[in-house]
């Protein structure tokens, strides 16, 4: 039975038919989309409590009724990990939330995480049939978070079913979203999976890159604990390529390796003054605060608490950085972005939250120089005003300098959040890997297999910087391809 036949068979289940009969589609379509309860901006901008508060059971039951249980659910094809979205939502509608959570885990290793940080508006929700009706999409992300949180808070956390062990050892390099997703799928298929993490904490970018006001660490820890209960082993403080080599992994009997080491090398603009004290990357800033408690006075490596902080960039990482600066006492926290707000890659919700928290947006501005004081600390930034021209290769309108339009502003800290590149350590440690001019590992796009037959790769080490859910999708694709290869080899 193929995927479409399977979905149609599930749709004809008696309880699903009863739900469809219980309310006409017009009645469902007339229900307004739920609004996510949030902490008050004045309160939350001074602490690390999670901003979004989650839905109540009543809100979730009502929102679930909006789903029309379409015969051809395009929301599933819009999801990189192919969650059976109508099924989990309909389980919420009939108040069987634990079954909804179980459905999520069939294809997603991190549903509570994805319900919080995935750009659903660009993926599953962008395919919702309501958009064709000029109505707001079903709040799939909110419902995913609700089902996962409900299960966790109930204390009845389910562990997905596992195939019988096949005795084959698989290594994963990196414990970020791609690595965790891959590990979850492979252990379900009966493999003996070990994940190697360079840092002392498991979770990769989920821990060091995303602040707790957006994704609490205990949420990530629960998802990781489920993987451990499934049998996934984790080894921290181990740098593949330094602590252990490609040959070492072979000697230890690993039949397949999945590289999911992310892209942790920060990009800079190479403009005058970037070497001044007080100018740092978003990677360093967020990692020190999120993972090393640098925001606390007793920290061994405290971070400077800037009062006039400029964050360069317009993505989610830039929003995380500037909102962190506000929570660390910045009186003037600014986003400096060379395009207009319409071109910003950050989620609309993150921009909204930043504005509510008092962040100043200097759109159509680009830094061209930083000026320091006599002690070598940044004290001013020189900005070039921009205007938009024709669209570039990304489809966004290209920013063009306005001759002579220069502005100088006082700053005491600058955080550069203009993207990342892969660390060259992993590619160089695996002799024979084909690497692009950007340092990303080149793979077969259908299988994510590298030029080394037993090595697959996915996530930011291949994409050069993307979303959590796209990395997870890579993990699932690579797991399916590696399983197929190993299954064929074992029968030869």
Protein backbone atom coordinates (compact mmCIF):
# COMPACT_ATOMS: atom_id res chain seq x y z
CA UNK A 1 0.00 0.00 0.00
CA UNK A 2 1.49 3.35 -1.01
CA UNK A 3 1.28 6.51 1.09
CA UNK A 4 -1.83 7.89 -0.63
CA UNK A 5 -3.71 4.58 -0.33
CA UNK A 6 -2.72 4.40 3.33
CA UNK A 7 -4.06 7.91 4.00
CA UNK A 8 -7.31 7.17 2.22
CA UNK A 9 -7.74 3.97 4.22
CA UNK A 10 -7.19 5.90 7.44
CA UNK A 11 -9.67 8.54 6.36
CA UNK A 12 -12.40 5.92 6.05
CA UNK A 13 -12.01 4.80 9.65
CA UNK A 14 -15.46 4.86 11.36
CA UNK A 15 -14.51 7.47 13.97
CA UNK A 16 -13.22 9.84 11.27
CA UNK A 17 -16.50 9.46 9.32
CA UNK A 18 -18.50 10.18 12.47
CA UNK A 19 -16.54 13.39 13.05
CA UNK A 20 -17.20 14.57 9.51
CA UNK A 21 -20.93 13.93 9.94
CA UNK A 22 -21.02 15.77 13.28
CA UNK A 23 -20.53 19.21 11.73
CA UNK A 24 -20.97 20.64 8.23
CA UNK A 25 -17.94 22.08 6.49
CA UNK A 26 -19.52 25.53 6.36
CA UNK A 27 -19.91 25.49 10.14
CA UNK A 28 -16.29 24.45 10.51
CA UNK A 29 -15.12 27.17 8.13
CA UNK A 30 -17.02 29.84 10.09
CA UNK A 31 -14.97 29.16 13.25
CA UNK A 32 -12.30 31.89 13.61
CA UNK A 33 -8.68 30.81 13.96
CA UNK A 34 -7.49 30.59 17.56
CA UNK A 35 -5.16 33.28 18.95
CA UNK A 36 -2.10 32.13 20.89
CA UNK A 37 -2.06 33.49 24.48
CA UNK A 38 1.18 35.37 25.21
CA UNK A 39 2.99 36.91 28.16
CA UNK A 40 2.69 40.68 28.48
CA UNK A 41 5.55 42.37 26.53
CA UNK A 42 6.60 44.67 29.39
CA UNK A 43 6.87 41.67 31.73
CA UNK A 44 8.49 39.16 29.38
CA UNK A 45 11.16 41.53 28.01
CA UNK A 46 12.91 41.34 31.40
CA UNK A 47 12.96 37.56 31.85
CA UNK A 48 13.44 34.26 30.03
CA UNK A 49 9.95 32.84 30.51
CA UNK A 50 8.42 31.36 27.37
CA UNK A 51 6.50 34.04 25.49
CA UNK A 52 3.84 31.82 23.91
CA UNK A 53 1.73 30.18 26.61
CA UNK A 54 0.12 27.39 24.59
CA UNK A 55 -3.55 26.58 23.99
CA UNK A 56 -6.06 25.42 26.56
CA UNK A 57 -7.92 22.16 25.95
CA UNK A 58 -11.05 24.12 25.01
CA UNK A 59 -9.12 26.25 22.50
CA UNK A 60 -7.49 23.19 20.97
CA UNK A 61 -10.77 21.27 20.66
CA UNK A 62 -12.36 24.26 18.91
CA UNK A 63 -9.42 24.84 16.55
CA UNK A 64 -9.33 21.14 15.67
CA UNK A 65 -12.92 21.41 14.45
CA UNK A 66 -11.76 23.83 11.76
CA UNK A 67 -9.86 21.04 9.96
CA UNK A 68 -11.97 19.81 7.02
CA UNK A 69 -10.15 16.45 6.82
CA UNK A 70 -9.49 17.01 3.11
CA UNK A 71 -9.51 14.00 0.74
CA UNK A 72 -6.13 15.17 -0.62
CA UNK A 73 -4.38 16.78 2.39
CA UNK A 74 -1.73 19.04 0.91
CA UNK A 75 -0.63 20.05 4.42
CA UNK A 76 1.16 16.68 4.67
CA UNK A 77 3.17 17.32 1.51
CA UNK A 78 4.07 20.75 2.90
CA UNK A 79 5.61 19.12 5.99
CA UNK A 80 9.27 18.08 5.53
CA UNK A 81 8.81 15.13 7.94
CA UNK A 82 5.37 14.19 6.50
CA UNK A 83 3.36 14.23 9.72
CA UNK A 84 -0.14 12.78 9.22
CA UNK A 85 -1.65 16.16 10.05
CA UNK A 86 -5.38 15.48 9.56
CA UNK A 87 -5.19 12.33 11.68
CA UNK A 88 -3.50 13.99 14.65
CA UNK A 89 -5.86 16.98 14.48
CA UNK A 90 -8.97 14.80 14.25
CA UNK A 91 -7.75 12.87 17.30
CA UNK A 92 -7.65 16.18 19.16
CA UNK A 93 -11.18 16.97 17.97
CA UNK A 94 -12.49 13.74 19.49
CA UNK A 95 -10.56 14.59 22.69
CA UNK A 96 -8.09 11.73 22.31
CA UNK A 97 -5.04 13.95 22.67
CA UNK A 98 -2.66 11.16 23.71
CA UNK A 99 -3.44 9.37 20.43
CA UNK A 100 -2.74 12.65 18.61
CA UNK A 101 0.67 12.85 20.29
CA UNK A 102 1.35 9.24 19.32
CA UNK A 103 0.52 10.06 15.69
CA UNK A 104 3.01 12.93 15.72
CA UNK A 105 5.78 10.62 16.93
CA UNK A 106 5.23 8.24 14.02
CA UNK A 107 7.23 10.59 11.79
CA UNK A 108 8.63 13.37 14.01
CA UNK A 109 11.33 12.93 16.63
CA UNK A 110 10.78 16.44 18.00
CA UNK A 111 7.08 17.40 17.88
CA UNK A 112 7.15 19.70 20.93
CA UNK A 113 10.12 21.52 19.42
CA UNK A 114 8.59 21.82 15.95
CA UNK A 115 5.32 23.08 17.39
CA UNK A 116 7.29 26.02 18.74
CA UNK A 117 9.97 26.95 16.24
CA UNK A 118 8.94 25.62 12.81
CA UNK A 119 7.81 28.19 10.22
CA UNK A 120 4.45 26.45 9.72
CA UNK A 121 3.15 29.50 7.87
CA UNK A 122 5.65 28.72 5.08
CA UNK A 123 5.20 24.94 5.13
CA UNK A 124 2.19 22.88 6.23
CA UNK A 125 -0.11 25.84 6.88
CA UNK A 126 0.82 27.41 3.53
CA UNK A 127 -0.89 24.42 1.83
CA UNK A 128 -4.09 24.61 3.89
CA UNK A 129 -7.24 24.70 1.76
CA UNK A 130 -8.55 27.62 3.83
CA UNK A 131 -6.09 29.95 2.08
CA UNK A 132 -7.88 29.27 -1.21
CA UNK A 133 -11.07 30.29 0.59
CA UNK A 134 -9.43 33.58 1.68
CA UNK A 135 -9.50 32.43 5.29
CA UNK A 136 -6.76 31.83 7.85
CA UNK A 137 -5.12 28.40 7.80
CA UNK A 138 -5.76 25.86 10.52
CA UNK A 139 -3.27 26.52 13.35
CA UNK A 140 -1.39 23.28 12.77
CA UNK A 141 1.71 24.40 14.70
CA UNK A 142 -0.28 25.46 17.76
CA UNK A 143 -2.10 22.11 17.76
CA UNK A 144 1.16 20.18 17.38
CA UNK A 145 2.57 21.98 20.39
CA UNK A 146 -0.64 21.41 22.35
CA UNK A 147 -0.71 17.66 21.75
CA UNK A 148 2.96 17.24 22.67
CA UNK A 149 2.67 19.41 25.79
CA UNK A 150 -0.53 17.65 26.85
CA UNK A 151 1.19 14.27 26.68
CA UNK A 152 4.22 15.49 28.63
CA UNK A 153 2.12 17.15 31.33
CA UNK A 154 -0.11 14.07 31.63
CA UNK A 155 2.87 11.92 32.57
CA UNK A 156 1.79 9.32 29.99
CA UNK A 157 4.66 9.74 27.55
CA UNK A 158 4.61 7.08 24.85
CA UNK A 159 7.68 5.57 23.21
CA UNK A 160 7.36 4.66 19.50
CA UNK A 161 7.41 0.99 18.54
CA UNK A 162 10.78 -0.43 17.53
CA UNK A 163 11.69 -3.15 15.05
CA UNK A 164 13.70 -6.11 16.26
CA UNK A 165 17.41 -5.33 16.57
CA UNK A 166 19.43 -6.11 13.43
CA UNK A 167 22.78 -5.73 15.20
CA UNK A 168 24.14 -3.09 12.82
CA UNK A 169 25.89 -0.07 14.35
CA UNK A 170 25.26 3.43 13.00
CA UNK A 171 27.13 6.62 13.97
CA UNK A 172 25.69 10.12 13.92
CA UNK A 173 27.90 13.21 13.98
CA UNK A 174 26.06 16.02 15.75
CA UNK A 175 23.00 16.07 18.01
CA UNK A 176 21.09 18.91 16.36
CA UNK A 177 17.69 18.48 14.67
CA UNK A 178 19.03 16.58 11.63
CA UNK A 179 21.02 14.16 13.78
CA UNK A 180 18.20 13.57 16.26
CA UNK A 181 15.65 12.99 13.50
CA UNK A 182 17.95 10.54 11.73
CA UNK A 183 18.73 8.73 14.99
CA UNK A 184 15.04 8.39 15.84
CA UNK A 185 14.17 6.83 12.50
CA UNK A 186 17.15 4.47 12.47
CA UNK A 187 16.60 3.15 15.98
CA UNK A 188 12.94 2.49 15.07
CA UNK A 189 14.24 0.35 12.19
CA UNK A 190 16.29 -1.80 14.56
CA UNK A 191 19.74 -0.22 14.29
CA UNK A 192 22.19 0.35 17.15
CA UNK A 193 22.61 4.14 17.01
CA UNK A 194 25.26 6.29 18.71
CA UNK A 195 25.28 10.08 18.43
CA UNK A 196 28.57 11.97 18.88
CA UNK A 197 28.27 15.55 20.13
CA UNK A 198 31.21 18.00 20.33
CA UNK A 199 29.66 20.08 23.12
CA UNK A 200 28.79 19.08 26.68
CA UNK A 201 25.05 19.40 26.04
CA UNK A 202 22.90 17.36 23.67
CA UNK A 203 20.65 19.25 21.26
CA UNK A 204 22.93 21.27 19.04
CA UNK A 205 21.37 24.50 17.80
CA UNK A 206 18.18 23.71 19.76
CA UNK A 207 20.20 24.36 22.93
CA UNK A 208 22.88 26.87 22.00
CA UNK A 209 21.11 28.82 19.26
CA UNK A 210 17.49 29.28 20.36
CA UNK A 211 16.76 31.22 23.57
CA UNK A 212 14.57 29.70 26.26
CA UNK A 213 11.91 32.39 25.86
CA UNK A 214 11.22 30.75 22.50
CA UNK A 215 12.21 27.13 23.19
CA UNK A 216 12.72 26.08 26.84
CA UNK A 217 15.59 23.64 27.39
CA UNK A 218 13.42 21.27 29.39
CA UNK A 219 11.21 20.79 26.33
CA UNK A 220 14.25 19.73 24.31
CA UNK A 221 15.42 17.47 27.15
CA UNK A 222 12.11 15.57 27.19
CA UNK A 223 12.36 14.87 23.46
CA UNK A 224 15.97 13.67 23.90
CA UNK A 225 14.95 11.48 26.85
CA UNK A 226 12.41 9.70 24.63
CA UNK A 227 15.17 8.95 22.10
CA UNK A 228 17.33 7.57 24.90
CA UNK A 229 14.47 5.35 26.05
CA UNK A 230 14.22 4.10 22.47
CA UNK A 231 17.88 3.06 22.72
CA UNK A 232 19.78 5.94 21.11
CA UNK A 233 23.16 6.42 22.83
CA UNK A 234 24.81 9.83 23.18
CA UNK A 235 28.50 10.60 23.65
CA UNK A 236 29.24 14.26 24.49
CA UNK A 237 32.51 16.23 24.48
CA UNK A 238 33.63 14.19 21.48
CA UNK A 239 34.80 15.95 18.31
CA UNK A 240 34.64 13.68 15.30
CA UNK A 241 37.74 14.53 13.30
CA UNK A 242 39.75 15.29 16.45
CA UNK A 243 38.74 13.04 19.35
CA UNK A 244 37.76 10.21 17.05
CA UNK A 245 38.48 9.75 13.34
CA UNK A 246 36.63 8.31 10.36
CA UNK A 247 38.92 5.27 10.51
CA UNK A 248 38.23 4.89 14.24
CA UNK A 249 34.51 4.71 13.54
CA UNK A 250 35.12 1.96 10.99
CA UNK A 251 37.29 0.05 13.44
CA UNK A 252 34.50 0.24 16.01
CA UNK A 253 32.21 -1.53 13.56
CA UNK A 254 29.94 1.25 12.33
CA UNK A 255 28.23 0.29 9.06
CA UNK A 256 26.93 3.76 8.27
CA UNK A 257 27.70 7.35 9.28
CA UNK A 258 25.39 10.35 9.10
CA UNK A 259 27.07 13.76 9.25
CA UNK A 260 24.79 16.37 10.83
CA UNK A 261 27.35 18.72 12.32
CA UNK A 262 25.52 21.89 11.34
CA UNK A 263 27.02 25.21 10.29
CA UNK A 264 28.65 26.89 13.24
CA UNK A 265 31.18 29.14 11.52
CA UNK A 266 29.88 32.73 11.67
CA UNK A 267 29.92 35.04 8.66
CA UNK A 268 31.15 38.61 8.95
CA UNK A 269 30.96 41.57 6.57
CA UNK A 270 34.71 42.33 6.49
CA UNK A 271 34.22 46.04 7.09
CA UNK A 272 36.48 48.39 9.10
CA UNK A 273 36.15 48.05 12.86
CA UNK A 274 34.81 44.48 12.99
CA UNK A 275 37.79 43.50 15.16
CA UNK A 276 36.87 46.01 17.87
CA UNK A 277 35.94 44.76 21.31
CA UNK A 278 32.15 44.60 21.57
CA UNK A 279 31.60 43.37 18.00
CA UNK A 280 30.77 39.66 18.04
CA UNK A 281 28.86 37.04 16.11
CA UNK A 282 25.36 35.92 16.98
CA UNK A 283 26.79 32.39 17.36
CA UNK A 284 29.12 33.50 20.14
CA UNK A 285 26.54 35.76 21.78
CA UNK A 286 23.71 33.23 21.87
CA UNK A 287 25.93 30.25 22.72
CA UNK A 288 27.51 32.07 25.65
CA UNK A 289 24.14 33.17 26.99
CA UNK A 290 22.06 30.06 26.21
CA UNK A 291 24.61 27.35 26.95
CA UNK A 292 27.18 28.93 29.28
CA UNK A 293 24.94 31.18 31.44
CA UNK A 294 27.06 34.19 30.48
CA UNK A 295 24.15 36.44 31.39
CA UNK A 296 24.57 35.61 35.08
CA UNK A 297 26.98 37.52 37.31
CA UNK A 298 28.53 34.32 38.69
CA UNK A 299 29.39 33.08 35.17
CA UNK A 300 33.02 32.16 34.46
CA UNK A 301 32.70 33.80 31.04
CA UNK A 302 30.26 36.72 31.51
CA UNK A 303 28.98 38.57 28.48
CA UNK A 304 28.98 42.37 28.24
CA UNK A 305 25.56 43.88 28.99
CA UNK A 306 25.29 46.49 26.27
CA UNK A 307 22.99 49.47 26.71
CA UNK A 308 22.97 50.49 23.03
CA UNK A 309 23.00 47.24 21.06
CA UNK A 310 22.81 46.89 17.29
CA UNK A 311 22.06 43.49 15.75
CA UNK A 312 22.93 43.19 12.07
CA UNK A 313 20.57 40.95 10.05
CA UNK A 314 16.91 40.15 9.50
CA UNK A 315 16.53 36.44 10.21
CA UNK A 316 15.26 34.50 13.21
CA UNK A 317 18.77 34.44 14.71
CA UNK A 318 18.89 38.23 14.54
CA UNK A 319 15.51 38.41 16.32
CA UNK A 320 16.72 35.95 18.97
CA UNK A 321 19.84 38.07 19.50
CA UNK A 322 18.12 41.44 19.75
CA UNK A 323 15.40 40.09 22.06
CA UNK A 324 18.14 38.57 24.22
CA UNK A 325 19.83 41.96 24.39
CA UNK A 326 16.58 43.52 25.62
CA UNK A 327 16.39 40.90 28.37
CA UNK A 328 19.98 41.69 29.37
CA UNK A 329 19.08 45.31 29.96
CA UNK A 330 19.66 47.04 26.61
CA UNK A 331 17.91 50.41 26.72
CA UNK A 332 18.19 50.74 22.95
CA UNK A 333 18.11 47.45 21.03
CA UNK A 334 18.20 47.84 17.26
CA UNK A 335 17.80 45.61 14.22
CA UNK A 336 19.87 46.91 11.30
CA UNK A 337 18.75 45.31 8.04
CA UNK A 338 19.68 46.32 4.51
CA UNK A 339 16.30 45.45 2.98
CA UNK A 340 12.73 46.37 3.94
CA UNK A 341 10.65 44.48 6.49
CA UNK A 342 8.78 42.68 3.68
CA UNK A 343 12.04 40.97 2.63
CA UNK A 344 12.98 39.85 6.13
CA UNK A 345 13.45 36.07 6.35
CA UNK A 346 12.47 36.05 10.05
CA UNK A 347 9.07 34.66 10.99
CA UNK A 348 6.34 37.29 11.14
CA UNK A 349 5.62 36.23 14.73
CA UNK A 350 9.23 36.85 15.78
CA UNK A 351 9.21 40.34 14.23
CA UNK A 352 5.91 41.07 15.99
CA UNK A 353 7.27 39.92 19.34
CA UNK A 354 10.44 41.98 18.91
CA UNK A 355 8.45 45.13 18.15
CA UNK A 356 6.19 44.54 21.14
CA UNK A 357 9.29 44.27 23.33
CA UNK A 358 10.59 47.66 22.26
CA UNK A 359 13.09 46.72 19.56
CA UNK A 360 13.88 49.49 17.07
CA UNK A 361 13.98 48.49 13.38
CA UNK A 362 16.40 50.32 11.11
CA UNK A 363 15.40 48.81 7.80
CA UNK A 364 17.11 49.84 4.56
CA UNK A 365 20.32 50.52 6.47
CA UNK A 366 23.66 48.73 6.11
CA UNK A 367 26.72 49.13 8.36
CA UNK A 368 29.88 50.17 6.52
CA UNK A 369 32.19 50.95 9.44
CA UNK A 370 32.53 50.65 13.23
CA UNK A 371 34.39 53.28 15.25
CA UNK A 372 36.13 52.50 18.53
CA UNK A 373 37.28 54.48 21.55
CA UNK A 374 40.84 54.83 22.85
CA UNK A 375 40.55 51.42 24.57
CA UNK A 376 39.58 49.64 21.35
CA UNK A 377 35.91 49.21 22.23
CA UNK A 378 33.15 49.92 19.71
CA UNK A 379 31.34 53.19 20.34
CA UNK A 380 29.72 54.10 17.00
CA UNK A 381 28.51 52.51 13.79
CA UNK A 382 28.37 54.21 10.40
CA UNK A 383 25.32 53.25 8.35
CA UNK A 384 24.70 53.51 4.62
CA UNK A 385 21.06 54.14 3.76
CA UNK A 386 19.68 51.85 1.05
CA UNK A 387 16.80 51.61 -1.40
CA UNK A 388 15.39 48.56 -3.17
CA UNK A 389 16.12 47.76 -6.79
CA UNK A 390 15.22 44.77 -8.94
CA UNK A 391 14.88 41.26 -7.44
CA UNK A 392 18.11 39.26 -7.06
CA UNK A 393 18.66 35.49 -7.38
CA UNK A 394 16.82 34.89 -4.08
CA UNK A 395 13.71 36.62 -5.43
CA UNK A 396 14.05 39.50 -3.01
CA UNK A 397 14.60 43.03 -4.26
CA UNK A 398 18.26 43.92 -4.26
CA UNK A 399 19.36 46.70 -1.86
CA UNK A 400 21.14 49.61 -3.55
CA UNK A 401 23.14 52.36 -1.85
CA UNK A 402 21.72 55.89 -1.83
CA UNK A 403 24.74 58.07 -2.69
CA UNK A 404 25.77 60.34 0.16
CA UNK A 405 23.11 59.06 2.57
CA UNK A 406 25.26 58.23 5.59
CA UNK A 407 24.26 58.12 9.26
CA UNK A 408 26.34 57.60 12.42
CA UNK A 409 24.82 56.16 15.61
CA UNK A 410 26.22 55.53 19.08
CA UNK A 411 26.52 51.85 20.07
CA UNK A 412 28.39 49.96 22.77
CA UNK A 413 27.78 46.46 21.35
CA UNK A 414 27.21 44.98 17.90
CA UNK A 415 25.99 41.45 17.20
CA UNK A 416 26.49 40.24 13.62
CA UNK A 417 23.77 37.80 12.50
CA UNK A 418 24.16 37.57 8.74
CA UNK A 419 24.42 33.82 8.34
CA UNK A 420 26.77 30.93 8.99
CA UNK A 421 29.06 28.57 7.11
CA UNK A 422 30.01 24.97 7.86
CA UNK A 423 33.06 24.40 10.04
CA UNK A 424 35.70 22.85 7.73
CA UNK A 425 36.83 20.33 10.38
CA UNK A 426 34.36 17.54 9.51
CA UNK A 427 34.70 17.68 5.70
CA UNK A 428 38.49 17.73 5.99
CA UNK A 429 38.47 14.79 8.44
CA UNK A 430 36.64 12.55 5.95
CA UNK A 431 39.05 12.13 3.07
CA UNK A 432 37.17 11.73 -0.20
CA UNK A 433 34.17 13.93 0.61
CA UNK A 434 33.18 16.30 -2.18
CA UNK A 435 32.81 19.83 -0.79
CA UNK A 436 31.36 22.94 -2.45
CA UNK A 437 33.11 26.32 -2.64
CA UNK A 438 30.96 27.37 0.33
CA UNK A 439 32.27 24.50 2.44
CA UNK A 440 29.07 22.48 2.35
CA UNK A 441 29.17 18.74 1.74
CA UNK A 442 27.90 17.78 -1.70
CA UNK A 443 25.39 14.92 -1.63
CA UNK A 444 23.03 13.06 -3.92
CA UNK A 445 19.86 15.17 -3.51
CA UNK A 446 17.60 12.11 -3.63
CA UNK A 447 19.43 10.03 -1.03
CA UNK A 448 21.76 12.51 0.75
CA UNK A 449 24.59 10.03 0.19
CA UNK A 450 28.08 11.52 -0.15
CA UNK A 451 30.91 10.34 -2.40
CA UNK A 452 31.85 7.96 0.43
CA UNK A 453 29.35 5.08 0.09
CA UNK A 454 28.82 4.60 3.84
CA UNK A 455 28.57 8.31 4.65
CA UNK A 456 25.39 10.38 4.34
CA UNK A 457 24.94 14.04 5.34
CA UNK A 458 22.12 16.48 5.95
CA UNK A 459 21.02 19.66 7.65
CA UNK A 460 23.10 22.84 7.66
CA UNK A 461 26.35 21.02 6.77
CA UNK A 462 24.67 20.43 3.39
CA UNK A 463 22.28 23.39 3.18
CA UNK A 464 24.56 26.00 4.71
CA UNK A 465 21.86 27.30 7.05
CA UNK A 466 18.16 26.46 7.16
CA UNK A 467 15.27 25.75 9.51
CA UNK A 468 14.94 23.07 12.18
CA UNK A 469 12.22 21.24 10.27
CA UNK A 470 14.17 21.16 6.98
CA UNK A 471 17.11 19.66 8.85
CA UNK A 472 14.76 17.08 10.37
CA UNK A 473 13.42 16.28 6.92
CA UNK A 474 16.98 15.63 5.78
CA UNK A 475 17.45 13.28 8.72
CA UNK A 476 14.40 11.25 7.73
CA UNK A 477 15.37 11.14 4.05
CA UNK A 478 18.91 10.01 4.86
CA UNK A 479 17.65 7.35 7.28
CA UNK A 480 15.33 5.87 4.65
CA UNK A 481 18.09 5.85 2.02
CA UNK A 482 20.73 4.38 4.32
CA UNK A 483 18.31 1.69 5.51
CA UNK A 484 17.54 0.74 1.92
CA UNK A 485 21.24 0.50 1.08
CA UNK A 486 22.12 -1.55 4.15
CA UNK A 487 19.13 -3.85 3.60
CA UNK A 488 20.24 -4.54 0.03
CA UNK A 489 23.84 -5.13 1.11
CA UNK A 490 22.83 -7.49 3.91
CA UNK A 491 20.93 -9.69 1.44
CA UNK A 492 23.71 -9.92 -1.12
